[in-house]
Amino acid sequence: MVGVIDMSRDAFENLVAEALDTIPPELTALMRNVVIVVEDDAPEPGLLGLYQGVPLTERGDWYAGVLPDHISIYRNETLQICDSPEDVVEEVRITVVHEIAHHFGIDDDRLHQLGY
């Protein structure tokens, strides 16, 4: 692929970890039963991240003994749309915040209003 940023999986995972470190501690303390992973390939073209689970706002008394919510950050799709390593850093940060917001029950319309 011509023009795609070359970045190792380890380096990309470090960017995801750094993006997570920018989330205010008072918010990360509220995150429950969620795992965040880096995957190389997205299930569909153009998808940079995906939240699968039950948002905190929809959990009730029935919510027990369920598998963790799953946030995927897709390395190859992200690298494909970026023009520089600095773009990758920013896109990873935006994607991580976007998917975590879904965990908190914030929908895409509101996220786009907020610039994510």
N, C-alpha and C. Protein backbone atom coordinates (compact mmCIF):
# COMPACT_ATOMS: atom_id res chain seq x y z
N MET A 1 0.85 -1.18 0.00
CA MET A 1 0.00 0.00 0.00
C MET A 1 0.89 1.24 0.00
N VAL A 2 0.81 2.02 -1.04
CA VAL A 2 1.62 3.21 -1.17
C VAL A 2 1.01 4.33 -0.33
N GLY A 3 1.86 5.04 0.40
CA GLY A 3 1.42 6.18 1.16
C GLY A 3 0.87 5.89 2.54
N VAL A 4 0.84 4.63 2.92
CA VAL A 4 0.33 4.28 4.24
C VAL A 4 1.45 4.45 5.26
N ILE A 5 1.12 5.06 6.38
CA ILE A 5 2.10 5.24 7.45
C ILE A 5 2.52 3.86 7.95
N ASP A 6 3.83 3.68 8.14
CA ASP A 6 4.36 2.42 8.66
C ASP A 6 4.59 2.58 10.16
N MET A 7 3.86 1.78 10.95
CA MET A 7 4.00 1.84 12.40
C MET A 7 3.78 0.43 12.94
N SER A 8 4.68 -0.01 13.79
CA SER A 8 4.56 -1.35 14.37
C SER A 8 3.33 -1.44 15.26
N ARG A 9 2.90 -2.64 15.48
CA ARG A 9 1.76 -2.86 16.37
C ARG A 9 2.08 -2.37 17.78
N ASP A 10 3.31 -2.64 18.25
CA ASP A 10 3.71 -2.18 19.59
C ASP A 10 3.64 -0.66 19.70
N ALA A 11 4.13 0.03 18.70
CA ALA A 11 4.10 1.49 18.72
C ALA A 11 2.66 2.00 18.71
N PHE A 12 1.82 1.35 17.92
CA PHE A 12 0.41 1.75 17.85
C PHE A 12 -0.29 1.48 19.18
N GLU A 13 -0.01 0.33 19.78
CA GLU A 13 -0.59 0.02 21.10
C GLU A 13 -0.16 1.04 22.14
N ASN A 14 1.08 1.51 22.04
CA ASN A 14 1.55 2.55 22.96
C ASN A 14 0.78 3.85 22.78
N LEU A 15 0.43 4.18 21.52
CA LEU A 15 -0.38 5.37 21.27
C LEU A 15 -1.77 5.23 21.89
N VAL A 16 -2.34 4.03 21.81
CA VAL A 16 -3.64 3.80 22.44
C VAL A 16 -3.52 3.97 23.95
N ALA A 17 -2.46 3.42 24.54
CA ALA A 17 -2.25 3.55 25.98
C ALA A 17 -2.08 5.03 26.36
N GLU A 18 -1.33 5.78 25.56
CA GLU A 18 -1.15 7.21 25.83
C GLU A 18 -2.48 7.95 25.71
N ALA A 19 -3.30 7.58 24.75
CA ALA A 19 -4.61 8.21 24.60
C ALA A 19 -5.48 7.91 25.82
N LEU A 20 -5.41 6.69 26.31
CA LEU A 20 -6.16 6.33 27.52
C LEU A 20 -5.70 7.15 28.71
N ASP A 21 -4.42 7.44 28.77
CA ASP A 21 -3.88 8.25 29.88
C ASP A 21 -4.40 9.69 29.86
N THR A 22 -4.92 10.15 28.71
CA THR A 22 -5.45 11.51 28.64
C THR A 22 -6.89 11.60 29.13
N ILE A 23 -7.54 10.45 29.35
CA ILE A 23 -8.91 10.45 29.87
C ILE A 23 -8.84 10.84 31.35
N PRO A 24 -9.65 11.79 31.77
CA PRO A 24 -9.60 12.20 33.19
C PRO A 24 -9.82 11.02 34.13
N PRO A 25 -9.02 10.93 35.19
CA PRO A 25 -9.13 9.81 36.13
C PRO A 25 -10.53 9.65 36.73
N GLU A 26 -11.24 10.76 36.90
CA GLU A 26 -12.59 10.64 37.45
C GLU A 26 -13.54 9.92 36.49
N LEU A 27 -13.22 9.94 35.20
CA LEU A 27 -14.02 9.18 34.23
C LEU A 27 -13.56 7.72 34.15
N THR A 28 -12.26 7.51 34.09
CA THR A 28 -11.80 6.12 34.00
C THR A 28 -12.18 5.34 35.25
N ALA A 29 -12.32 6.02 36.39
CA ALA A 29 -12.74 5.34 37.62
C ALA A 29 -14.17 4.82 37.51
N LEU A 30 -14.95 5.41 36.60
CA LEU A 30 -16.34 5.00 36.41
C LEU A 30 -16.51 3.89 35.38
N MET A 31 -15.48 3.64 34.60
CA MET A 31 -15.58 2.61 33.57
C MET A 31 -15.65 1.24 34.24
N ARG A 32 -16.62 0.45 33.81
CA ARG A 32 -16.84 -0.87 34.40
C ARG A 32 -17.00 -1.94 33.34
N ASN A 33 -16.32 -3.05 33.57
CA ASN A 33 -16.49 -4.25 32.75
C ASN A 33 -16.30 -3.96 31.27
N VAL A 34 -15.14 -3.40 30.93
CA VAL A 34 -14.84 -3.06 29.55
C VAL A 34 -13.37 -3.39 29.27
N VAL A 35 -13.11 -3.90 28.09
CA VAL A 35 -11.75 -4.19 27.65
C VAL A 35 -11.50 -3.39 26.37
N ILE A 36 -10.27 -2.88 26.23
CA ILE A 36 -9.89 -2.11 25.05
C ILE A 36 -8.73 -2.85 24.39
N VAL A 37 -8.91 -3.16 23.10
CA VAL A 37 -7.90 -3.92 22.38
C VAL A 37 -7.56 -3.24 21.05
N VAL A 38 -6.36 -3.51 20.58
CA VAL A 38 -5.95 -3.10 19.24
C VAL A 38 -6.08 -4.32 18.34
N GLU A 39 -6.72 -4.12 17.22
CA GLU A 39 -6.82 -5.16 16.21
C GLU A 39 -6.24 -4.60 14.92
N ASP A 40 -5.62 -5.46 14.14
CA ASP A 40 -5.01 -4.99 12.90
C ASP A 40 -6.05 -4.57 11.88
N ASP A 41 -7.03 -5.43 11.63
CA ASP A 41 -7.98 -5.19 10.55
C ASP A 41 -9.39 -4.98 11.06
N ALA A 42 -10.07 -4.01 10.46
CA ALA A 42 -11.45 -3.70 10.80
C ALA A 42 -12.39 -4.65 10.05
N PRO A 43 -13.59 -4.88 10.60
CA PRO A 43 -14.54 -5.74 9.92
C PRO A 43 -15.13 -5.11 8.66
N GLU A 44 -14.96 -3.80 8.51
CA GLU A 44 -15.42 -3.12 7.30
C GLU A 44 -14.51 -1.94 7.02
N PRO A 45 -14.34 -1.60 5.74
CA PRO A 45 -13.45 -0.50 5.38
C PRO A 45 -13.87 0.82 6.02
N GLY A 46 -12.87 1.59 6.46
CA GLY A 46 -13.12 2.91 7.01
C GLY A 46 -13.46 2.95 8.48
N LEU A 47 -13.60 1.80 9.10
CA LEU A 47 -13.95 1.75 10.53
C LEU A 47 -12.67 1.84 11.35
N LEU A 48 -12.57 2.87 12.19
CA LEU A 48 -11.36 3.09 12.99
C LEU A 48 -11.47 2.50 14.38
N GLY A 49 -12.69 2.41 14.89
CA GLY A 49 -12.92 1.85 16.21
C GLY A 49 -14.34 1.32 16.30
N LEU A 50 -14.57 0.46 17.30
CA LEU A 50 -15.90 -0.11 17.46
C LEU A 50 -16.14 -0.43 18.93
N TYR A 51 -17.29 0.02 19.42
CA TYR A 51 -17.73 -0.31 20.78
C TYR A 51 -18.83 -1.36 20.67
N GLN A 52 -18.66 -2.45 21.40
CA GLN A 52 -19.67 -3.49 21.46
C GLN A 52 -19.95 -3.77 22.93
N GLY A 53 -21.19 -3.60 23.34
CA GLY A 53 -21.52 -3.87 24.72
C GLY A 53 -22.79 -3.17 25.14
N VAL A 54 -22.94 -3.05 26.44
CA VAL A 54 -24.10 -2.40 27.05
C VAL A 54 -23.59 -1.13 27.73
N PRO A 55 -23.97 0.05 27.20
CA PRO A 55 -23.50 1.30 27.81
C PRO A 55 -23.89 1.39 29.28
N LEU A 56 -23.09 2.10 30.04
CA LEU A 56 -23.35 2.27 31.47
C LEU A 56 -24.75 2.82 31.73
N THR A 57 -25.23 3.68 30.85
CA THR A 57 -26.55 4.29 31.02
C THR A 57 -27.70 3.31 30.82
N GLU A 58 -27.43 2.15 30.25
CA GLU A 58 -28.49 1.17 29.99
C GLU A 58 -28.41 -0.04 30.91
N ARG A 59 -27.46 -0.05 31.80
CA ARG A 59 -27.31 -1.18 32.72
C ARG A 59 -28.27 -1.02 33.90
N GLY A 60 -28.85 -2.11 34.29
CA GLY A 60 -29.77 -2.07 35.42
C GLY A 60 -29.49 -3.22 36.36
N ASP A 61 -30.48 -3.55 37.16
CA ASP A 61 -30.35 -4.64 38.13
C ASP A 61 -30.05 -5.97 37.45
N TRP A 62 -30.48 -6.11 36.22
CA TRP A 62 -30.30 -7.35 35.47
C TRP A 62 -28.84 -7.55 35.04
N TYR A 63 -28.05 -6.49 35.08
CA TYR A 63 -26.68 -6.55 34.54
C TYR A 63 -25.74 -7.22 35.53
N ALA A 64 -25.52 -8.51 35.32
CA ALA A 64 -24.58 -9.27 36.16
C ALA A 64 -24.13 -10.50 35.39
N GLY A 65 -22.90 -10.86 35.59
CA GLY A 65 -22.37 -12.07 34.98
C GLY A 65 -22.28 -12.02 33.46
N VAL A 66 -22.11 -10.83 32.91
CA VAL A 66 -22.01 -10.69 31.46
C VAL A 66 -20.54 -10.49 31.07
N LEU A 67 -20.25 -10.84 29.83
CA LEU A 67 -18.89 -10.62 29.33
C LEU A 67 -18.61 -9.12 29.26
N PRO A 68 -17.34 -8.74 29.34
CA PRO A 68 -17.01 -7.31 29.28
C PRO A 68 -17.41 -6.67 27.95
N ASP A 69 -17.72 -5.38 28.01
CA ASP A 69 -17.85 -4.61 26.79
C ASP A 69 -16.51 -4.68 26.07
N HIS A 70 -16.54 -4.48 24.77
CA HIS A 70 -15.34 -4.65 23.96
C HIS A 70 -15.16 -3.40 23.09
N ILE A 71 -14.05 -2.72 23.27
CA ILE A 71 -13.68 -1.60 22.41
C ILE A 71 -12.49 -2.03 21.57
N SER A 72 -12.66 -1.97 20.26
CA SER A 72 -11.58 -2.29 19.33
C SER A 72 -11.10 -1.02 18.67
N ILE A 73 -9.79 -0.87 18.56
CA ILE A 73 -9.17 0.22 17.82
C ILE A 73 -8.41 -0.45 16.67
N TYR A 74 -8.72 -0.04 15.44
CA TYR A 74 -8.21 -0.74 14.26
C TYR A 74 -6.97 -0.04 13.69
N ARG A 75 -5.86 -0.73 13.80
CA ARG A 75 -4.56 -0.16 13.42
C ARG A 75 -4.46 0.14 11.92
N ASN A 76 -4.71 -0.85 11.07
CA ASN A 76 -4.48 -0.65 9.64
C ASN A 76 -5.37 0.43 9.04
N GLU A 77 -6.63 0.48 9.44
CA GLU A 77 -7.53 1.52 8.94
C GLU A 77 -7.06 2.90 9.37
N THR A 78 -6.61 3.01 10.61
CA THR A 78 -6.12 4.30 11.11
C THR A 78 -4.88 4.73 10.34
N LEU A 79 -3.94 3.81 10.17
CA LEU A 79 -2.70 4.16 9.46
C LEU A 79 -2.98 4.52 8.02
N GLN A 80 -3.99 3.92 7.44
CA GLN A 80 -4.31 4.16 6.03
C GLN A 80 -4.83 5.57 5.78
N ILE A 81 -5.52 6.16 6.75
CA ILE A 81 -6.10 7.49 6.51
C ILE A 81 -5.20 8.63 6.97
N CYS A 82 -4.10 8.32 7.62
CA CYS A 82 -3.23 9.37 8.17
C CYS A 82 -2.08 9.69 7.23
N ASP A 83 -1.68 10.96 7.25
CA ASP A 83 -0.59 11.42 6.39
C ASP A 83 0.75 11.53 7.10
N SER A 84 0.73 11.50 8.44
CA SER A 84 1.97 11.64 9.19
C SER A 84 1.82 10.95 10.54
N PRO A 85 2.94 10.67 11.20
CA PRO A 85 2.86 10.09 12.54
C PRO A 85 2.06 10.96 13.51
N GLU A 86 2.15 12.28 13.34
CA GLU A 86 1.38 13.18 14.20
C GLU A 86 -0.12 13.01 13.96
N ASP A 87 -0.50 12.78 12.72
CA ASP A 87 -1.91 12.50 12.40
C ASP A 87 -2.38 11.22 13.09
N VAL A 88 -1.51 10.23 13.13
CA VAL A 88 -1.86 8.96 13.78
C VAL A 88 -2.12 9.19 15.27
N VAL A 89 -1.25 9.95 15.92
CA VAL A 89 -1.42 10.25 17.35
C VAL A 89 -2.78 10.89 17.58
N GLU A 90 -3.12 11.90 16.79
CA GLU A 90 -4.39 12.62 16.95
C GLU A 90 -5.59 11.73 16.64
N GLU A 91 -5.49 10.94 15.57
CA GLU A 91 -6.62 10.08 15.20
C GLU A 91 -6.85 8.99 16.23
N VAL A 92 -5.79 8.43 16.78
CA VAL A 92 -5.94 7.43 17.84
C VAL A 92 -6.61 8.06 19.05
N ARG A 93 -6.19 9.26 19.43
CA ARG A 93 -6.79 9.93 20.59
C ARG A 93 -8.28 10.16 20.36
N ILE A 94 -8.63 10.67 19.20
CA ILE A 94 -10.04 10.92 18.88
C ILE A 94 -10.84 9.63 18.90
N THR A 95 -10.30 8.58 18.31
CA THR A 95 -11.01 7.30 18.24
C THR A 95 -11.20 6.70 19.62
N VAL A 96 -10.17 6.72 20.44
CA VAL A 96 -10.27 6.18 21.80
C VAL A 96 -11.34 6.94 22.59
N VAL A 97 -11.30 8.26 22.54
CA VAL A 97 -12.30 9.07 23.26
C VAL A 97 -13.70 8.76 22.73
N HIS A 98 -13.85 8.67 21.42
CA HIS A 98 -15.13 8.39 20.78
C HIS A 98 -15.72 7.07 21.28
N GLU A 99 -14.91 6.02 21.29
CA GLU A 99 -15.42 4.70 21.68
C GLU A 99 -15.68 4.63 23.19
N ILE A 100 -14.87 5.27 23.98
CA ILE A 100 -15.14 5.31 25.43
C ILE A 100 -16.43 6.08 25.70
N ALA A 101 -16.67 7.12 24.93
CA ALA A 101 -17.92 7.87 25.09
C ALA A 101 -19.13 6.98 24.86
N HIS A 102 -19.04 6.06 23.91
CA HIS A 102 -20.14 5.11 23.70
C HIS A 102 -20.34 4.25 24.95
N HIS A 103 -19.28 3.88 25.63
CA HIS A 103 -19.39 3.11 26.87
C HIS A 103 -20.19 3.91 27.91
N PHE A 104 -20.07 5.22 27.86
CA PHE A 104 -20.81 6.09 28.78
C PHE A 104 -22.20 6.45 28.27
N GLY A 105 -22.58 5.89 27.12
CA GLY A 105 -23.93 6.10 26.60
C GLY A 105 -24.10 7.30 25.70
N ILE A 106 -23.03 7.88 25.23
CA ILE A 106 -23.11 9.04 24.33
C ILE A 106 -23.18 8.53 22.90
N ASP A 107 -24.19 8.97 22.15
CA ASP A 107 -24.39 8.47 20.79
C ASP A 107 -23.56 9.26 19.76
N ASP A 108 -23.54 8.74 18.53
CA ASP A 108 -22.73 9.35 17.48
C ASP A 108 -23.13 10.79 17.17
N ASP A 109 -24.44 11.07 17.16
CA ASP A 109 -24.87 12.44 16.86
C ASP A 109 -24.26 13.43 17.84
N ARG A 110 -24.33 13.13 19.12
CA ARG A 110 -23.77 14.02 20.14
C ARG A 110 -22.25 14.10 20.02
N LEU A 111 -21.60 12.97 19.76
CA LEU A 111 -20.15 12.96 19.60
C LEU A 111 -19.71 13.84 18.43
N HIS A 112 -20.45 13.78 17.34
CA HIS A 112 -20.09 14.62 16.19
C HIS A 112 -20.29 16.10 16.50
N GLN A 113 -21.32 16.41 17.30
CA GLN A 113 -21.51 17.81 17.74
C GLN A 113 -20.32 18.27 18.57
N LEU A 114 -19.74 17.35 19.34
CA LEU A 114 -18.60 17.68 20.19
C LEU A 114 -17.26 17.60 19.46
N GLY A 115 -17.28 17.20 18.19
CA GLY A 115 -16.05 17.14 17.41
C GLY A 115 -15.35 15.80 17.41
N TYR A 116 -16.07 14.76 17.85
CA TYR A 116 -15.49 13.42 17.85
C TYR A 116 -16.23 12.53 16.88
